[in-house]
């Protein structure tokens, strides 16, 4: 089970976007990388292209870049603080994530 999942709200704890919060769009557990909405914004310059009879103009595209998984912390939905994640079994013997600060479940069952 992963500590950070797609759809979680996280807070950036290191880097140029320190303190920003956003939703997780993508998690790559093999490379320990994560994409957070609105954080680590990068620019890509695209050349003009001719595709048949239509022409695509030159443009600058803004997009979210990948950042290291260690640079983000999960935000607890109940206490609204960035927290470490623990694991425990609930009443149905399913493994769930919980907030180490307020002891509330992070996963919605």
PDB file of N, CA and C in Angstrom:
ATOM      1  N   UNK A   1       0.850  -1.179   0.000  1.00  0.00           N
ATOM      2  CA  UNK A   1       0.000   0.000   0.000  1.00  0.00           C
ATOM      3  C   UNK A   1       0.891   1.237   0.000  1.00  0.00           C
ATOM      4  N   UNK A   2       0.515   2.222  -0.799  1.00  0.00           N
ATOM      5  CA  UNK A   2       1.309   3.426  -0.940  1.00  0.00           C
ATOM      6  C   UNK A   2       0.908   4.468   0.086  1.00  0.00           C
ATOM      7  N   UNK A   3       1.868   5.277   0.491  1.00  0.00           N
ATOM      8  CA  UNK A   3       1.566   6.367   1.420  1.00  0.00           C
ATOM      9  C   UNK A   3       0.853   7.510   0.713  1.00  0.00           C
ATOM     10  N   UNK A   4       1.222   7.781  -0.534  1.00  0.00           N
ATOM     11  CA  UNK A   4       0.597   8.848  -1.318  1.00  0.00           C
ATOM     12  C   UNK A   4      -0.086   8.200  -2.514  1.00  0.00           C
ATOM     13  N   UNK A   5      -1.354   8.537  -2.722  1.00  0.00           N
ATOM     14  CA  UNK A   5      -2.119   7.962  -3.820  1.00  0.00           C
ATOM     15  C   UNK A   5      -2.666   9.070  -4.713  1.00  0.00           C
ATOM     16  N   UNK A   6      -3.048   8.691  -5.915  1.00  0.00           N
ATOM     17  CA  UNK A   6      -3.666   9.627  -6.845  1.00  0.00           C
ATOM     18  C   UNK A   6      -4.963  10.145  -6.227  1.00  0.00           C
ATOM     19  N   UNK A   7      -5.165  11.461  -6.269  1.00  0.00           N
ATOM     20  CA  UNK A   7      -6.364  12.066  -5.701  1.00  0.00           C
ATOM     21  C   UNK A   7      -6.171  12.613  -4.302  1.00  0.00           C
ATOM     22  N   UNK A   8      -5.060  12.279  -3.635  1.00  0.00           N
ATOM     23  CA  UNK A   8      -4.769  12.819  -2.303  1.00  0.00           C
ATOM     24  C   UNK A   8      -4.407  14.303  -2.403  1.00  0.00           C
ATOM     25  N   UNK A   9      -4.718  15.048  -1.354  1.00  0.00           N
ATOM     26  CA  UNK A   9      -4.240  16.409  -1.236  1.00  0.00           C
ATOM     27  C   UNK A   9      -2.916  16.365  -0.478  1.00  0.00           C
ATOM     28  N   UNK A  10      -1.893  16.993  -1.068  1.00  0.00           N
ATOM     29  CA  UNK A  10      -0.568  16.978  -0.452  1.00  0.00           C
ATOM     30  C   UNK A  10      -0.055  18.399  -0.326  1.00  0.00           C
ATOM     31  N   UNK A  11       0.950  18.559   0.557  1.00  0.00           N
ATOM     32  CA  UNK A  11       1.613  19.841   0.735  1.00  0.00           C
ATOM     33  C   UNK A  11       3.081  19.657   0.399  1.00  0.00           C
ATOM     34  N   UNK A  12       3.630  20.592  -0.367  1.00  0.00           N
ATOM     35  CA  UNK A  12       5.044  20.545  -0.752  1.00  0.00           C
ATOM     36  C   UNK A  12       5.866  21.015   0.439  1.00  0.00           C
ATOM     37  N   UNK A  13       6.866  20.209   0.848  1.00  0.00           N
ATOM     38  CA  UNK A  13       7.665  20.520   2.029  1.00  0.00           C
ATOM     39  C   UNK A  13       9.108  20.887   1.690  1.00  0.00           C
ATOM     40  N   UNK A  14       9.467  20.864   0.391  1.00  0.00           N
ATOM     41  CA  UNK A  14      10.825  21.223  -0.015  1.00  0.00           C
ATOM     42  C   UNK A  14      10.803  21.695  -1.462  1.00  0.00           C
ATOM     43  N   UNK A  15      11.734  22.588  -1.790  1.00  0.00           N
ATOM     44  CA  UNK A  15      11.858  23.045  -3.164  1.00  0.00           C
ATOM     45  C   UNK A  15      11.288  24.430  -3.368  1.00  0.00           C
ATOM     46  N   UNK A  16      11.181  24.833  -4.640  1.00  0.00           N
ATOM     47  CA  UNK A  16      10.758  26.191  -4.972  1.00  0.00           C
ATOM     48  C   UNK A  16       9.290  26.448  -4.673  1.00  0.00           C
ATOM     49  N   UNK A  17       8.475  25.420  -4.564  1.00  0.00           N
ATOM     50  CA  UNK A  17       7.042  25.559  -4.295  1.00  0.00           C
ATOM     51  C   UNK A  17       6.706  25.222  -2.846  1.00  0.00           C
ATOM     52  N   UNK A  18       7.623  25.500  -1.937  1.00  0.00           N
ATOM     53  CA  UNK A  18       7.459  25.178  -0.521  1.00  0.00           C
ATOM     54  C   UNK A  18       6.152  25.751   0.031  1.00  0.00           C
ATOM     55  N   UNK A  19       5.351  24.902   0.673  1.00  0.00           N
ATOM     56  CA  UNK A  19       4.120  25.341   1.313  1.00  0.00           C
ATOM     57  C   UNK A  19       2.879  25.242   0.445  1.00  0.00           C
ATOM     58  N   UNK A  20       3.022  25.019  -0.852  1.00  0.00           N
ATOM     59  CA  UNK A  20       1.857  24.926  -1.727  1.00  0.00           C
ATOM     60  C   UNK A  20       1.138  23.599  -1.530  1.00  0.00           C
ATOM     61  N   UNK A  21      -0.183  23.643  -1.686  1.00  0.00           N
ATOM     62  CA  UNK A  21      -0.998  22.439  -1.609  1.00  0.00           C
ATOM     63  C   UNK A  21      -1.620  22.169  -2.964  1.00  0.00           C
ATOM     64  N   UNK A  22      -1.811  20.889  -3.267  1.00  0.00           N
ATOM     65  CA  UNK A  22      -2.432  20.513  -4.527  1.00  0.00           C
ATOM     66  C   UNK A  22      -2.826  19.062  -4.514  1.00  0.00           C
ATOM     67  N   UNK A  23      -3.574  18.674  -5.524  1.00  0.00           N
ATOM     68  CA  UNK A  23      -4.036  17.294  -5.654  1.00  0.00           C
ATOM     69  C   UNK A  23      -3.011  16.495  -6.441  1.00  0.00           C
ATOM     70  N   UNK A  24      -2.831  15.237  -6.076  1.00  0.00           N
ATOM     71  CA  UNK A  24      -1.897  14.356  -6.771  1.00  0.00           C
ATOM     72  C   UNK A  24      -2.556  13.888  -8.065  1.00  0.00           C
ATOM     73  N   UNK A  25      -1.873  14.147  -9.193  1.00  0.00           N
ATOM     74  CA  UNK A  25      -2.385  13.746 -10.501  1.00  0.00           C
ATOM     75  C   UNK A  25      -1.814  12.409 -10.954  1.00  0.00           C
ATOM     76  N   UNK A  26      -0.572  12.104 -10.535  1.00  0.00           N
ATOM     77  CA  UNK A  26       0.106  10.894 -10.998  1.00  0.00           C
ATOM     78  C   UNK A  26       1.157  10.491  -9.975  1.00  0.00           C
ATOM     79  N   UNK A  27       1.283   9.183  -9.736  1.00  0.00           N
ATOM     80  CA  UNK A  27       2.304   8.650  -8.837  1.00  0.00           C
ATOM     81  C   UNK A  27       3.072   7.552  -9.570  1.00  0.00           C
ATOM     82  N   UNK A  28       4.398   7.645  -9.567  1.00  0.00           N
ATOM     83  CA  UNK A  28       5.258   6.608 -10.126  1.00  0.00           C
ATOM     84  C   UNK A  28       6.038   5.985  -8.974  1.00  0.00           C
ATOM     85  N   UNK A  29       5.542   4.883  -8.387  1.00  0.00           N
ATOM     86  CA  UNK A  29       6.207   4.304  -7.214  1.00  0.00           C
ATOM     87  C   UNK A  29       7.584   3.706  -7.516  1.00  0.00           C
ATOM     88  N   UNK A  30       7.822   3.293  -8.759  1.00  0.00           N
ATOM     89  CA  UNK A  30       9.118   2.705  -9.095  1.00  0.00           C
ATOM     90  C   UNK A  30      10.222   3.755  -9.110  1.00  0.00           C
ATOM     91  N   UNK A  31       9.913   4.964  -9.558  1.00  0.00           N
ATOM     92  CA  UNK A  31      10.902   6.037  -9.627  1.00  0.00           C
ATOM     93  C   UNK A  31      10.778   7.000  -8.456  1.00  0.00           C
ATOM     94  N   UNK A  32       9.827   6.773  -7.538  1.00  0.00           N
ATOM     95  CA  UNK A  32       9.559   7.667  -6.403  1.00  0.00           C
ATOM     96  C   UNK A  32       9.310   9.095  -6.873  1.00  0.00           C
ATOM     97  N   UNK A  33       8.462   9.256  -7.873  1.00  0.00           N
ATOM     98  CA  UNK A  33       8.121  10.552  -8.433  1.00  0.00           C
ATOM     99  C   UNK A  33       6.621  10.762  -8.351  1.00  0.00           C
ATOM    100  N   UNK A  34       6.217  12.035  -8.266  1.00  0.00           N
ATOM    101  CA  UNK A  34       4.803  12.381  -8.149  1.00  0.00           C
ATOM    102  C   UNK A  34       4.572  13.686  -8.916  1.00  0.00           C
ATOM    103  N   UNK A  35       3.369  13.827  -9.499  1.00  0.00           N
ATOM    104  CA  UNK A  35       2.974  15.069 -10.154  1.00  0.00           C
ATOM    105  C   UNK A  35       1.853  15.682  -9.329  1.00  0.00           C
ATOM    106  N   UNK A  36       2.058  16.935  -8.875  1.00  0.00           N
ATOM    107  CA  UNK A  36       1.094  17.644  -8.040  1.00  0.00           C
ATOM    108  C   UNK A  36       0.509  18.796  -8.846  1.00  0.00           C
ATOM    109  N   UNK A  37      -0.807  18.918  -8.818  1.00  0.00           N
ATOM    110  CA  UNK A  37      -1.484  19.963  -9.574  1.00  0.00           C
ATOM    111  C   UNK A  37      -1.079  21.354  -9.068  1.00  0.00           C
ATOM    112  N   UNK A  38      -0.581  22.177  -9.978  1.00  0.00           N
ATOM    113  CA  UNK A  38      -0.205  23.548  -9.647  1.00  0.00           C
ATOM    114  C   UNK A  38       1.178  23.714  -9.044  1.00  0.00           C
ATOM    115  N   UNK A  39       1.924  22.648  -8.868  1.00  0.00           N
ATOM    116  CA  UNK A  39       3.272  22.732  -8.292  1.00  0.00           C
ATOM    117  C   UNK A  39       4.300  22.293  -9.329  1.00  0.00           C
ATOM    118  N   UNK A  40       5.507  22.834  -9.220  1.00  0.00           N
ATOM    119  CA  UNK A  40       6.622  22.523 -10.120  1.00  0.00           C
ATOM    120  C   UNK A  40       6.235  22.785 -11.578  1.00  0.00           C
ATOM    121  N   UNK A  41       5.698  23.979 -11.829  1.00  0.00           N
ATOM    122  CA  UNK A  41       5.262  24.345 -13.174  1.00  0.00           C
ATOM    123  C   UNK A  41       6.479  24.562 -14.082  1.00  0.00           C
ATOM    124  N   UNK A  42       6.448  23.934 -15.259  1.00  0.00           N
ATOM    125  CA  UNK A  42       7.512  24.031 -16.245  1.00  0.00           C
ATOM    126  C   UNK A  42       6.943  24.582 -17.544  1.00  0.00           C
ATOM    127  N   UNK A  43       7.817  25.059 -18.424  1.00  0.00           N
ATOM    128  CA  UNK A  43       7.387  25.585 -19.718  1.00  0.00           C
ATOM    129  C   UNK A  43       8.038  24.771 -20.829  1.00  0.00           C
ATOM    130  N   UNK A  44       7.270  24.542 -21.886  1.00  0.00           N
ATOM    131  CA  UNK A  44       7.772  23.834 -23.057  1.00  0.00           C
ATOM    132  C   UNK A  44       7.503  24.717 -24.275  1.00  0.00           C
ATOM    133  N   UNK A  45       8.535  25.041 -25.021  1.00  0.00           N
ATOM    134  CA  UNK A  45       8.402  25.859 -26.224  1.00  0.00           C
ATOM    135  C   UNK A  45       8.180  24.930 -27.411  1.00  0.00           C
ATOM    136  N   UNK A  46       7.087  25.144 -28.135  1.00  0.00           N
ATOM    137  CA  UNK A  46       6.742  24.300 -29.283  1.00  0.00           C
ATOM    138  C   UNK A  46       6.919  25.093 -30.571  1.00  0.00           C
ATOM    139  N   UNK A  47       7.535  24.489 -31.560  1.00  0.00           N
ATOM    140  CA  UNK A  47       7.696  25.131 -32.856  1.00  0.00           C
ATOM    141  C   UNK A  47       6.380  25.089 -33.621  1.00  0.00           C
ATOM    142  N   UNK A  48       6.240  25.991 -34.566  1.00  0.00           N
ATOM    143  CA  UNK A  48       5.078  25.975 -35.445  1.00  0.00           C
ATOM    144  C   UNK A  48       5.143  24.723 -36.320  1.00  0.00           C
ATOM    145  N   UNK A  49       3.983  24.123 -36.593  1.00  0.00           N
ATOM    146  CA  UNK A  49       3.937  22.895 -37.380  1.00  0.00           C
ATOM    147  C   UNK A  49       2.918  23.038 -38.495  1.00  0.00           C
ATOM    148  N   UNK A  50       3.216  22.384 -39.604  1.00  0.00           N
ATOM    149  CA  UNK A  50       2.280  22.326 -40.714  1.00  0.00           C
ATOM    150  C   UNK A  50       1.757  20.907 -40.789  1.00  0.00           C
ATOM    151  N   UNK A  51       0.449  20.722 -40.536  1.00  0.00           N
ATOM    152  CA  UNK A  51      -0.159  19.388 -40.552  1.00  0.00           C
ATOM    153  C   UNK A  51      -1.193  19.362 -41.677  1.00  0.00           C
ATOM    154  N   UNK A  52      -0.755  18.996 -42.882  1.00  0.00           N
ATOM    155  CA  UNK A  52      -1.660  18.989 -44.032  1.00  0.00           C
ATOM    156  C   UNK A  52      -2.024  20.401 -44.428  1.00  0.00           C
ATOM    157  N   UNK A  53      -3.333  20.700 -44.444  1.00  0.00           N
ATOM    158  CA  UNK A  53      -3.771  22.039 -44.822  1.00  0.00           C
ATOM    159  C   UNK A  53      -3.929  22.973 -43.626  1.00  0.00           C
ATOM    160  N   UNK A  54      -3.793  22.473 -42.423  1.00  0.00           N
ATOM    161  CA  UNK A  54      -3.916  23.344 -41.249  1.00  0.00           C
ATOM    162  C   UNK A  54      -2.531  23.591 -40.644  1.00  0.00           C
ATOM    163  N   UNK A  55      -2.426  24.734 -39.991  1.00  0.00           N
ATOM    164  CA  UNK A  55      -1.146  25.116 -39.411  1.00  0.00           C
ATOM    165  C   UNK A  55      -1.322  25.322 -37.909  1.00  0.00           C
ATOM    166  N   UNK A  56      -0.407  24.741 -37.126  1.00  0.00           N
ATOM    167  CA  UNK A  56      -0.405  24.902 -35.673  1.00  0.00           C
ATOM    168  C   UNK A  56       0.633  25.961 -35.344  1.00  0.00           C
ATOM    169  N   UNK A  57       0.228  27.062 -34.676  1.00  0.00           N
ATOM    170  CA  UNK A  57       1.185  28.141 -34.408  1.00  0.00           C
ATOM    171  C   UNK A  57       2.176  27.764 -33.304  1.00  0.00           C
ATOM    172  N   UNK A  58       3.283  28.505 -33.273  1.00  0.00           N
ATOM    173  CA  UNK A  58       4.261  28.331 -32.197  1.00  0.00           C
ATOM    174  C   UNK A  58       3.622  28.755 -30.881  1.00  0.00           C
ATOM    175  N   UNK A  59       3.952  28.048 -29.799  1.00  0.00           N
ATOM    176  CA  UNK A  59       3.318  28.352 -28.515  1.00  0.00           C
ATOM    177  C   UNK A  59       4.212  27.924 -27.362  1.00  0.00           C
ATOM    178  N   UNK A  60       3.908  28.456 -26.188  1.00  0.00           N
ATOM    179  CA  UNK A  60       4.586  28.069 -24.954  1.00  0.00           C
ATOM    180  C   UNK A  60       3.559  27.363 -24.089  1.00  0.00           C
ATOM    181  N   UNK A  61       3.844  26.122 -23.718  1.00  0.00           N
ATOM    182  CA  UNK A  61       2.912  25.300 -22.950  1.00  0.00           C
ATOM    183  C   UNK A  61       3.400  25.216 -21.514  1.00  0.00           C
ATOM    184  N   UNK A  62       2.513  25.512 -20.552  1.00  0.00           N
ATOM    185  CA  UNK A  62       2.800  25.326 -19.129  1.00  0.00           C
ATOM    186  C   UNK A  62       2.275  23.968 -18.699  1.00  0.00           C
ATOM    187  N   UNK A  63       3.088  23.221 -17.937  1.00  0.00           N
ATOM    188  CA  UNK A  63       2.650  21.924 -17.437  1.00  0.00           C
ATOM    189  C   UNK A  63       3.330  21.625 -16.115  1.00  0.00           C
ATOM    190  N   UNK A  64       2.746  20.686 -15.357  1.00  0.00           N
ATOM    191  CA  UNK A  64       3.316  20.274 -14.080  1.00  0.00           C
ATOM    192  C   UNK A  64       4.403  19.235 -14.319  1.00  0.00           C
ATOM    193  N   UNK A  65       5.546  19.452 -13.696  1.00  0.00           N
ATOM    194  CA  UNK A  65       6.638  18.499 -13.805  1.00  0.00           C
ATOM    195  C   UNK A  65       6.622  17.524 -12.640  1.00  0.00           C
ATOM    196  N   UNK A  66       7.343  16.424 -12.801  1.00  0.00           N
ATOM    197  CA  UNK A  66       7.444  15.439 -11.730  1.00  0.00           C
ATOM    198  C   UNK A  66       8.355  15.968 -10.635  1.00  0.00           C
ATOM    199  N   UNK A  67       8.042  15.603  -9.390  1.00  0.00           N
ATOM    200  CA  UNK A  67       8.907  15.940  -8.265  1.00  0.00           C
ATOM    201  C   UNK A  67       9.100  14.685  -7.421  1.00  0.00           C
ATOM    202  N   UNK A  68      10.107  14.714  -6.579  1.00  0.00           N
ATOM    203  CA  UNK A  68      10.397  13.551  -5.757  1.00  0.00           C
ATOM    204  C   UNK A  68       9.313  13.359  -4.707  1.00  0.00           C
ATOM    205  N   UNK A  69       9.004  12.111  -4.432  1.00  0.00           N
ATOM    206  CA  UNK A  69       7.958  11.759  -3.478  1.00  0.00           C
ATOM    207  C   UNK A  69       8.286  12.221  -2.068  1.00  0.00           C
ATOM    208  N   UNK A  70       9.580  12.362  -1.754  1.00  0.00           N
ATOM    209  CA  UNK A  70       9.981  12.791  -0.418  1.00  0.00           C
ATOM    210  C   UNK A  70       9.742  14.283  -0.187  1.00  0.00           C
ATOM    211  N   UNK A  71       9.413  15.024  -1.237  1.00  0.00           N
ATOM    212  CA  UNK A  71       9.187  16.465  -1.116  1.00  0.00           C
ATOM    213  C   UNK A  71       7.741  16.824  -0.829  1.00  0.00           C
ATOM    214  N   UNK A  72       6.877  15.833  -0.634  1.00  0.00           N
ATOM    215  CA  UNK A  72       5.468  16.111  -0.347  1.00  0.00           C
ATOM    216  C   UNK A  72       5.023  15.326   0.881  1.00  0.00           C
ATOM    217  N   UNK A  73       4.017  15.887   1.590  1.00  0.00           N
ATOM    218  CA  UNK A  73       3.390  15.193   2.728  1.00  0.00           C
ATOM    219  C   UNK A  73       1.885  15.216   2.521  1.00  0.00           C
ATOM    220  N   UNK A  74       1.231  14.139   2.917  1.00  0.00           N
ATOM    221  CA  UNK A  74      -0.216  14.030   2.793  1.00  0.00           C
ATOM    222  C   UNK A  74      -0.888  14.986   3.779  1.00  0.00           C
ATOM    223  N   UNK A  75      -1.947  15.654   3.327  1.00  0.00           N
ATOM    224  CA  UNK A  75      -2.746  16.533   4.186  1.00  0.00           C
ATOM    225  C   UNK A  75      -3.950  15.736   4.672  1.00  0.00           C
ATOM    226  N   UNK A  76      -4.119  15.674   5.996  1.00  0.00           N
ATOM    227  CA  UNK A  76      -5.229  14.935   6.594  1.00  0.00           C
ATOM    228  C   UNK A  76      -6.539  15.665   6.293  1.00  0.00           C
ATOM    229  N   UNK A  77      -7.572  14.955   5.809  1.00  0.00           N
ATOM    230  CA  UNK A  77      -8.842  15.616   5.511  1.00  0.00           C
ATOM    231  C   UNK A  77      -9.605  16.074   6.754  1.00  0.00           C
ATOM    232  N   UNK A  78      -9.356  15.460   7.912  1.00  0.00           N
ATOM    233  CA  UNK A  78     -10.114  15.835   9.103  1.00  0.00           C
ATOM    234  C   UNK A  78      -9.464  16.975   9.889  1.00  0.00           C
ATOM    235  N   UNK A  79      -8.135  16.959  10.072  1.00  0.00           N
ATOM    236  CA  UNK A  79      -7.483  18.028  10.841  1.00  0.00           C
ATOM    237  C   UNK A  79      -6.841  19.089   9.953  1.00  0.00           C
ATOM    238  N   UNK A  80      -6.793  18.865   8.620  1.00  0.00           N
ATOM    239  CA  UNK A  80      -6.284  19.818   7.641  1.00  0.00           C
ATOM    240  C   UNK A  80      -4.832  20.218   7.916  1.00  0.00           C
ATOM    241  N   UNK A  81      -4.006  19.259   8.348  1.00  0.00           N
ATOM    242  CA  UNK A  81      -2.584  19.486   8.576  1.00  0.00           C
ATOM    243  C   UNK A  81      -1.789  18.457   7.782  1.00  0.00           C
ATOM    244  N   UNK A  82      -0.560  18.840   7.379  1.00  0.00           N
ATOM    245  CA  UNK A  82       0.307  17.869   6.730  1.00  0.00           C
ATOM    246  C   UNK A  82       0.803  16.900   7.790  1.00  0.00           C
ATOM    247  N   UNK A  83       0.788  15.614   7.473  1.00  0.00           N
ATOM    248  CA  UNK A  83       1.044  14.603   8.487  1.00  0.00           C
ATOM    249  C   UNK A  83       1.764  13.399   7.903  1.00  0.00           C
ATOM    250  N   UNK A  84       2.345  12.632   8.789  1.00  0.00           N
ATOM    251  CA  UNK A  84       2.871  11.327   8.405  1.00  0.00           C
ATOM    252  C   UNK A  84       1.713  10.354   8.328  1.00  0.00           C
ATOM    253  N   UNK A  85       1.928   9.267   7.610  1.00  0.00           N
ATOM    254  CA  UNK A  85       0.863   8.291   7.381  1.00  0.00           C
ATOM    255  C   UNK A  85       1.214   6.995   8.084  1.00  0.00           C
ATOM    256  N   UNK A  86       0.249   6.447   8.815  1.00  0.00           N
ATOM    257  CA  UNK A  86       0.414   5.148   9.447  1.00  0.00           C
ATOM    258  C   UNK A  86      -0.591   4.170   8.865  1.00  0.00           C
ATOM    259  N   UNK A  87      -0.441   2.910   9.192  1.00  0.00           N
ATOM    260  CA  UNK A  87      -1.335   1.872   8.698  1.00  0.00           C
ATOM    261  C   UNK A  87      -1.919   1.104   9.873  1.00  0.00           C
ATOM    262  N   UNK A  88      -3.171   0.682   9.721  1.00  0.00           N
ATOM    263  CA  UNK A  88      -3.810  -0.194  10.701  1.00  0.00           C
ATOM    264  C   UNK A  88      -4.940  -0.943  10.019  1.00  0.00           C
ATOM    265  N   UNK A  89      -5.435  -1.979  10.699  1.00  0.00           N
ATOM    266  CA  UNK A  89      -6.571  -2.747  10.198  1.00  0.00           C
ATOM    267  C   UNK A  89      -7.848  -2.168  10.780  1.00  0.00           C
ATOM    268  N   UNK A  90      -8.865  -1.969   9.923  1.00  0.00           N
ATOM    269  CA  UNK A  90     -10.144  -1.468  10.425  1.00  0.00           C
ATOM    270  C   UNK A  90     -11.026  -2.633  10.871  1.00  0.00           C
ATOM    271  N   UNK A  91     -12.284  -2.383  11.144  1.00  0.00           N
ATOM    272  CA  UNK A  91     -13.187  -3.419  11.657  1.00  0.00           C
ATOM    273  C   UNK A  91     -13.402  -4.552  10.659  1.00  0.00           C
ATOM    274  N   UNK A  92     -13.274  -4.245   9.354  1.00  0.00           N
ATOM    275  CA  UNK A  92     -13.468  -5.270   8.318  1.00  0.00           C
ATOM    276  C   UNK A  92     -12.172  -5.989   7.954  1.00  0.00           C
ATOM    277  N   UNK A  93     -11.134  -5.817   8.773  1.00  0.00           N
ATOM    278  CA  UNK A  93      -9.808  -6.386   8.537  1.00  0.00           C
ATOM    279  C   UNK A  93      -9.211  -5.925   7.209  1.00  0.00           C
ATOM    280  N   UNK A  94      -9.481  -4.670   6.840  1.00  0.00           N
ATOM    281  CA  UNK A  94      -8.861  -4.070   5.670  1.00  0.00           C
ATOM    282  C   UNK A  94      -7.801  -3.079   6.143  1.00  0.00           C
ATOM    283  N   UNK A  95      -6.684  -3.044   5.427  1.00  0.00           N
ATOM    284  CA  UNK A  95      -5.598  -2.140   5.774  1.00  0.00           C
ATOM    285  C   UNK A  95      -5.962  -0.733   5.312  1.00  0.00           C
ATOM    286  N   UNK A  96      -5.937   0.225   6.231  1.00  0.00           N
ATOM    287  CA  UNK A  96      -6.265   1.611   5.904  1.00  0.00           C
ATOM    288  C   UNK A  96      -5.145   2.533   6.378  1.00  0.00           C
ATOM    289  N   UNK A  97      -5.043   3.692   5.740  1.00  0.00           N
ATOM    290  CA  UNK A  97      -4.074   4.704   6.154  1.00  0.00           C
ATOM    291  C   UNK A  97      -4.735   5.598   7.196  1.00  0.00           C
ATOM    292  N   UNK A  98      -3.929   6.054   8.177  1.00  0.00           N
ATOM    293  CA  UNK A  98      -4.467   6.971   9.172  1.00  0.00           C
ATOM    294  C   UNK A  98      -3.465   8.077   9.467  1.00  0.00           C
ATOM    295  N   UNK A  99      -4.005   9.199   9.966  1.00  0.00           N
ATOM    296  CA  UNK A  99      -3.223  10.385  10.296  1.00  0.00           C
ATOM    297  C   UNK A  99      -2.520  10.150  11.630  1.00  0.00           C
ATOM    298  N   UNK A 100      -1.222  10.427  11.688  1.00  0.00           N
ATOM    299  CA  UNK A 100      -0.465  10.251  12.921  1.00  0.00           C
ATOM    300  C   UNK A 100      -0.715  11.369  13.922  1.00  0.00           C
ATOM    301  N   UNK A 101      -1.291  12.515  13.478  1.00  0.00           N
ATOM    302  CA  UNK A 101      -1.536  13.637  14.380  1.00  0.00           C
ATOM    303  C   UNK A 101      -2.886  13.530  15.086  1.00  0.00           C
ATOM    304  N   UNK A 102      -3.961  13.236  14.304  1.00  0.00           N
ATOM    305  CA  UNK A 102      -5.295  13.218  14.915  1.00  0.00           C
ATOM    306  C   UNK A 102      -5.883  11.812  14.993  1.00  0.00           C
ATOM    307  N   UNK A 103      -5.160  10.806  14.480  1.00  0.00           N
ATOM    308  CA  UNK A 103      -5.560   9.399  14.565  1.00  0.00           C
ATOM    309  C   UNK A 103      -6.832   9.089  13.778  1.00  0.00           C
ATOM    310  N   UNK A 104      -7.178   9.897  12.768  1.00  0.00           N
ATOM    311  CA  UNK A 104      -8.357   9.675  11.941  1.00  0.00           C
ATOM    312  C   UNK A 104      -7.951   8.960  10.662  1.00  0.00           C
ATOM    313  N   UNK A 105      -8.883   8.199  10.091  1.00  0.00           N
ATOM    314  CA  UNK A 105      -8.618   7.500   8.839  1.00  0.00           C
ATOM    315  C   UNK A 105      -8.502   8.485   7.686  1.00  0.00           C
ATOM    316  N   UNK A 106      -7.524   8.258   6.810  1.00  0.00           N
ATOM    317  CA  UNK A 106      -7.352   9.069   5.617  1.00  0.00           C
ATOM    318  C   UNK A 106      -8.154   8.481   4.467  1.00  0.00           C
ATOM    319  N   UNK A 107      -8.160   7.146   4.378  1.00  0.00           N
ATOM    320  CA  UNK A 107      -8.897   6.462   3.303  1.00  0.00           C
ATOM    321  C   UNK A 107     -10.388   6.517   3.570  1.00  0.00           C
ATOM    322  N   UNK A 108     -11.130   6.796   2.504  1.00  0.00           N
ATOM    323  CA  UNK A 108     -12.591   6.749   2.619  1.00  0.00           C
ATOM    324  C   UNK A 108     -13.039   5.328   2.317  1.00  0.00           C
ATOM    325  N   UNK A 109     -13.728   4.704   3.238  1.00  0.00           N
ATOM    326  CA  UNK A 109     -14.156   3.313   3.067  1.00  0.00           C
ATOM    327  C   UNK A 109     -15.571   3.254   2.562  1.00  0.00           C
TER     328      UNK A 109
END
